[in-house]
N, C-alpha and C. Protein backbone atom coordinates (compact mmCIF):
# COMPACT_ATOMS: atom_id res chain seq x y z
N UNK A 1 0.08 -32.94 -7.89
CA UNK A 1 -0.65 -31.80 -8.43
C UNK A 1 -0.62 -30.67 -7.41
N UNK A 2 -0.39 -29.47 -7.90
CA UNK A 2 -0.40 -28.31 -7.02
C UNK A 2 -1.77 -28.12 -6.39
N UNK A 3 -1.77 -27.63 -5.16
CA UNK A 3 -3.02 -27.39 -4.45
C UNK A 3 -3.93 -26.45 -5.23
N UNK A 4 -3.34 -25.43 -5.87
CA UNK A 4 -4.14 -24.44 -6.60
C UNK A 4 -4.84 -25.04 -7.81
N UNK A 5 -4.36 -26.18 -8.31
CA UNK A 5 -4.95 -26.81 -9.49
C UNK A 5 -5.92 -27.93 -9.13
N UNK A 6 -6.02 -28.24 -7.84
CA UNK A 6 -6.96 -29.28 -7.41
C UNK A 6 -8.38 -28.74 -7.48
N UNK A 7 -9.33 -29.63 -7.63
CA UNK A 7 -10.74 -29.26 -7.72
C UNK A 7 -11.23 -28.63 -6.43
N UNK A 8 -12.06 -27.61 -6.57
CA UNK A 8 -12.66 -26.97 -5.40
C UNK A 8 -13.71 -27.90 -4.78
N UNK A 9 -14.23 -28.84 -5.55
CA UNK A 9 -15.25 -29.77 -5.08
C UNK A 9 -14.83 -31.21 -5.45
N UNK A 10 -13.80 -31.75 -4.78
CA UNK A 10 -13.25 -33.04 -5.20
C UNK A 10 -14.17 -34.24 -5.00
N UNK A 11 -15.19 -34.12 -4.19
CA UNK A 11 -16.07 -35.27 -3.93
C UNK A 11 -17.30 -35.27 -4.81
N UNK A 12 -17.26 -34.49 -5.87
CA UNK A 12 -18.40 -34.40 -6.78
C UNK A 12 -18.53 -35.64 -7.64
N UNK A 13 -19.34 -35.56 -8.65
CA UNK A 13 -19.61 -36.70 -9.52
C UNK A 13 -18.68 -36.74 -10.72
N UNK A 14 -17.67 -35.92 -10.71
CA UNK A 14 -16.75 -35.86 -11.85
C UNK A 14 -15.94 -37.14 -11.95
N UNK A 15 -15.72 -37.58 -13.17
CA UNK A 15 -15.00 -38.82 -13.37
C UNK A 15 -13.54 -38.62 -13.76
N UNK A 16 -13.17 -37.41 -14.15
CA UNK A 16 -11.78 -37.17 -14.51
C UNK A 16 -11.39 -35.75 -14.15
N UNK A 17 -10.09 -35.52 -14.01
CA UNK A 17 -9.60 -34.18 -13.70
C UNK A 17 -9.92 -33.19 -14.82
N UNK A 18 -10.02 -33.67 -16.05
CA UNK A 18 -10.30 -32.80 -17.17
C UNK A 18 -11.68 -32.14 -17.03
N UNK A 19 -12.55 -32.75 -16.24
CA UNK A 19 -13.90 -32.23 -16.08
C UNK A 19 -14.20 -32.00 -14.60
N UNK A 20 -13.22 -31.53 -13.86
CA UNK A 20 -13.39 -31.40 -12.41
C UNK A 20 -13.98 -30.06 -12.01
N UNK A 21 -14.39 -29.24 -12.94
CA UNK A 21 -14.98 -27.96 -12.60
C UNK A 21 -13.92 -26.94 -12.22
N UNK A 22 -14.28 -26.03 -11.33
CA UNK A 22 -13.36 -24.97 -10.92
C UNK A 22 -12.21 -25.51 -10.10
N UNK A 23 -11.04 -24.92 -10.32
CA UNK A 23 -9.91 -25.22 -9.44
C UNK A 23 -10.07 -24.40 -8.17
N UNK A 24 -9.28 -24.74 -7.17
CA UNK A 24 -9.32 -23.96 -5.93
C UNK A 24 -8.95 -22.51 -6.22
N UNK A 25 -7.96 -22.30 -7.08
CA UNK A 25 -7.53 -20.94 -7.41
C UNK A 25 -8.67 -20.15 -8.05
N UNK A 26 -9.34 -20.77 -9.01
CA UNK A 26 -10.47 -20.11 -9.67
C UNK A 26 -11.59 -19.82 -8.69
N UNK A 27 -11.89 -20.77 -7.83
CA UNK A 27 -12.96 -20.60 -6.85
C UNK A 27 -12.64 -19.47 -5.88
N UNK A 28 -11.41 -19.47 -5.33
CA UNK A 28 -11.02 -18.42 -4.39
C UNK A 28 -11.01 -17.06 -5.06
N UNK A 29 -10.55 -17.00 -6.31
CA UNK A 29 -10.55 -15.72 -7.03
C UNK A 29 -11.98 -15.23 -7.26
N UNK A 30 -12.88 -16.14 -7.56
CA UNK A 30 -14.28 -15.75 -7.76
C UNK A 30 -14.90 -15.22 -6.47
N UNK A 31 -14.57 -15.87 -5.35
CA UNK A 31 -15.10 -15.41 -4.07
C UNK A 31 -14.52 -14.04 -3.70
N UNK A 32 -13.23 -13.83 -3.99
CA UNK A 32 -12.61 -12.53 -3.72
C UNK A 32 -13.27 -11.46 -4.59
N UNK A 33 -13.49 -11.77 -5.87
CA UNK A 33 -14.12 -10.80 -6.76
C UNK A 33 -15.54 -10.49 -6.31
N UNK A 34 -16.25 -11.50 -5.86
CA UNK A 34 -17.61 -11.28 -5.37
C UNK A 34 -17.61 -10.30 -4.20
N UNK A 35 -16.68 -10.49 -3.28
CA UNK A 35 -16.57 -9.57 -2.15
C UNK A 35 -16.19 -8.16 -2.59
N UNK A 36 -15.25 -8.06 -3.52
CA UNK A 36 -14.85 -6.74 -4.01
C UNK A 36 -16.01 -6.03 -4.71
N UNK A 37 -16.78 -6.78 -5.49
CA UNK A 37 -17.91 -6.18 -6.20
C UNK A 37 -19.05 -5.79 -5.27
N UNK A 38 -19.11 -6.41 -4.10
CA UNK A 38 -20.16 -6.08 -3.12
C UNK A 38 -19.83 -4.78 -2.37
N UNK A 39 -18.62 -4.30 -2.54
CA UNK A 39 -18.20 -3.08 -1.85
C UNK A 39 -18.93 -1.87 -2.44
N UNK A 40 -19.68 -1.13 -1.63
CA UNK A 40 -20.41 0.03 -2.16
C UNK A 40 -19.48 1.13 -2.70
N UNK A 41 -18.24 1.15 -2.28
CA UNK A 41 -17.30 2.16 -2.76
C UNK A 41 -16.77 1.84 -4.15
N UNK A 42 -17.12 0.67 -4.69
CA UNK A 42 -16.69 0.31 -6.03
C UNK A 42 -17.18 1.33 -7.05
N UNK A 43 -18.32 1.94 -6.80
CA UNK A 43 -18.84 2.93 -7.74
C UNK A 43 -17.88 4.09 -7.92
N UNK A 44 -17.06 4.39 -6.90
CA UNK A 44 -16.05 5.43 -7.03
C UNK A 44 -15.05 5.06 -8.13
N UNK A 45 -14.66 3.78 -8.17
CA UNK A 45 -13.73 3.32 -9.19
C UNK A 45 -14.38 3.24 -10.56
N UNK A 46 -15.64 2.88 -10.59
CA UNK A 46 -16.32 2.70 -11.87
C UNK A 46 -16.48 4.01 -12.63
N UNK A 47 -16.40 5.13 -11.93
CA UNK A 47 -16.51 6.41 -12.63
C UNK A 47 -15.21 6.77 -13.34
N UNK A 48 -14.12 6.11 -12.95
CA UNK A 48 -12.83 6.36 -13.60
C UNK A 48 -12.74 5.53 -14.87
N UNK A 49 -12.22 6.13 -15.94
CA UNK A 49 -12.07 5.37 -17.18
C UNK A 49 -10.96 4.34 -17.05
N UNK A 50 -9.90 4.71 -16.37
CA UNK A 50 -8.76 3.80 -16.18
C UNK A 50 -8.32 3.82 -14.73
N UNK A 51 -7.81 2.70 -14.26
CA UNK A 51 -7.30 2.57 -12.89
C UNK A 51 -5.91 1.96 -12.99
N UNK A 52 -4.90 2.75 -12.72
CA UNK A 52 -3.51 2.30 -12.85
C UNK A 52 -3.20 1.75 -14.24
N UNK A 53 -3.71 2.42 -15.26
CA UNK A 53 -3.44 1.99 -16.63
C UNK A 53 -4.29 0.84 -17.11
N UNK A 54 -5.20 0.38 -16.29
CA UNK A 54 -6.06 -0.75 -16.66
C UNK A 54 -7.52 -0.36 -16.42
N UNK A 55 -8.40 -1.09 -17.07
CA UNK A 55 -9.81 -0.86 -16.81
C UNK A 55 -10.14 -1.34 -15.40
N UNK A 56 -11.26 -0.91 -14.88
CA UNK A 56 -11.67 -1.34 -13.54
C UNK A 56 -11.83 -2.86 -13.51
N UNK A 57 -12.41 -3.43 -14.55
CA UNK A 57 -12.58 -4.88 -14.61
C UNK A 57 -11.26 -5.63 -14.58
N UNK A 58 -10.29 -5.15 -15.35
CA UNK A 58 -8.97 -5.77 -15.35
C UNK A 58 -8.33 -5.67 -13.96
N UNK A 59 -8.45 -4.51 -13.34
CA UNK A 59 -7.87 -4.31 -12.02
C UNK A 59 -8.52 -5.23 -10.99
N UNK A 60 -9.84 -5.36 -11.04
CA UNK A 60 -10.54 -6.25 -10.10
C UNK A 60 -10.12 -7.70 -10.30
N UNK A 61 -9.96 -8.12 -11.55
CA UNK A 61 -9.54 -9.49 -11.83
C UNK A 61 -8.14 -9.75 -11.28
N UNK A 62 -7.23 -8.81 -11.51
CA UNK A 62 -5.85 -8.96 -11.02
C UNK A 62 -5.83 -9.02 -9.50
N UNK A 63 -6.55 -8.13 -8.85
CA UNK A 63 -6.59 -8.10 -7.39
C UNK A 63 -7.19 -9.40 -6.85
N UNK A 64 -8.27 -9.88 -7.48
CA UNK A 64 -8.92 -11.12 -7.03
C UNK A 64 -7.97 -12.30 -7.13
N UNK A 65 -7.21 -12.38 -8.22
CA UNK A 65 -6.26 -13.47 -8.39
C UNK A 65 -5.14 -13.37 -7.37
N UNK A 66 -4.69 -12.14 -7.09
CA UNK A 66 -3.65 -11.96 -6.07
C UNK A 66 -4.13 -12.42 -4.70
N UNK A 67 -5.38 -12.11 -4.36
CA UNK A 67 -5.94 -12.57 -3.08
C UNK A 67 -6.01 -14.10 -3.05
N UNK A 68 -6.46 -14.70 -4.15
CA UNK A 68 -6.56 -16.16 -4.22
C UNK A 68 -5.19 -16.80 -4.07
N UNK A 69 -4.20 -16.26 -4.76
CA UNK A 69 -2.84 -16.82 -4.67
C UNK A 69 -2.28 -16.70 -3.26
N UNK A 70 -2.53 -15.58 -2.61
CA UNK A 70 -2.03 -15.41 -1.24
C UNK A 70 -2.72 -16.38 -0.28
N UNK A 71 -4.02 -16.58 -0.45
CA UNK A 71 -4.74 -17.53 0.39
C UNK A 71 -4.18 -18.93 0.21
N UNK A 72 -3.95 -19.34 -1.03
CA UNK A 72 -3.38 -20.66 -1.29
C UNK A 72 -1.99 -20.78 -0.69
N UNK A 73 -1.20 -19.73 -0.78
CA UNK A 73 0.14 -19.73 -0.21
C UNK A 73 0.07 -19.92 1.31
N UNK A 74 -0.84 -19.21 1.96
CA UNK A 74 -0.98 -19.32 3.41
C UNK A 74 -1.50 -20.69 3.82
N UNK A 75 -2.38 -21.26 3.01
CA UNK A 75 -2.92 -22.59 3.31
C UNK A 75 -1.87 -23.68 3.19
N UNK A 76 -0.84 -23.45 2.40
CA UNK A 76 0.24 -24.42 2.24
C UNK A 76 1.11 -24.51 3.49
N UNK A 77 1.09 -23.49 4.33
CA UNK A 77 1.94 -23.46 5.52
C UNK A 77 1.34 -24.25 6.65
């Protein structure tokens, strides 16, 4: 199984992979998004209707996933 698809909390009480909660990728993306949303300059982006052809929410999600993927890539080394 790819590292990005492994459970973020593998020692939990889950009995199967189907119910393992968040993957590492999902967890890292959520943490990246949390940090991005904590940025006080985010309000500058929120005043824009579109950011690079996408809504601010779409852009934040894409950026968060990119950060998560890069972290997983670096952890593989």
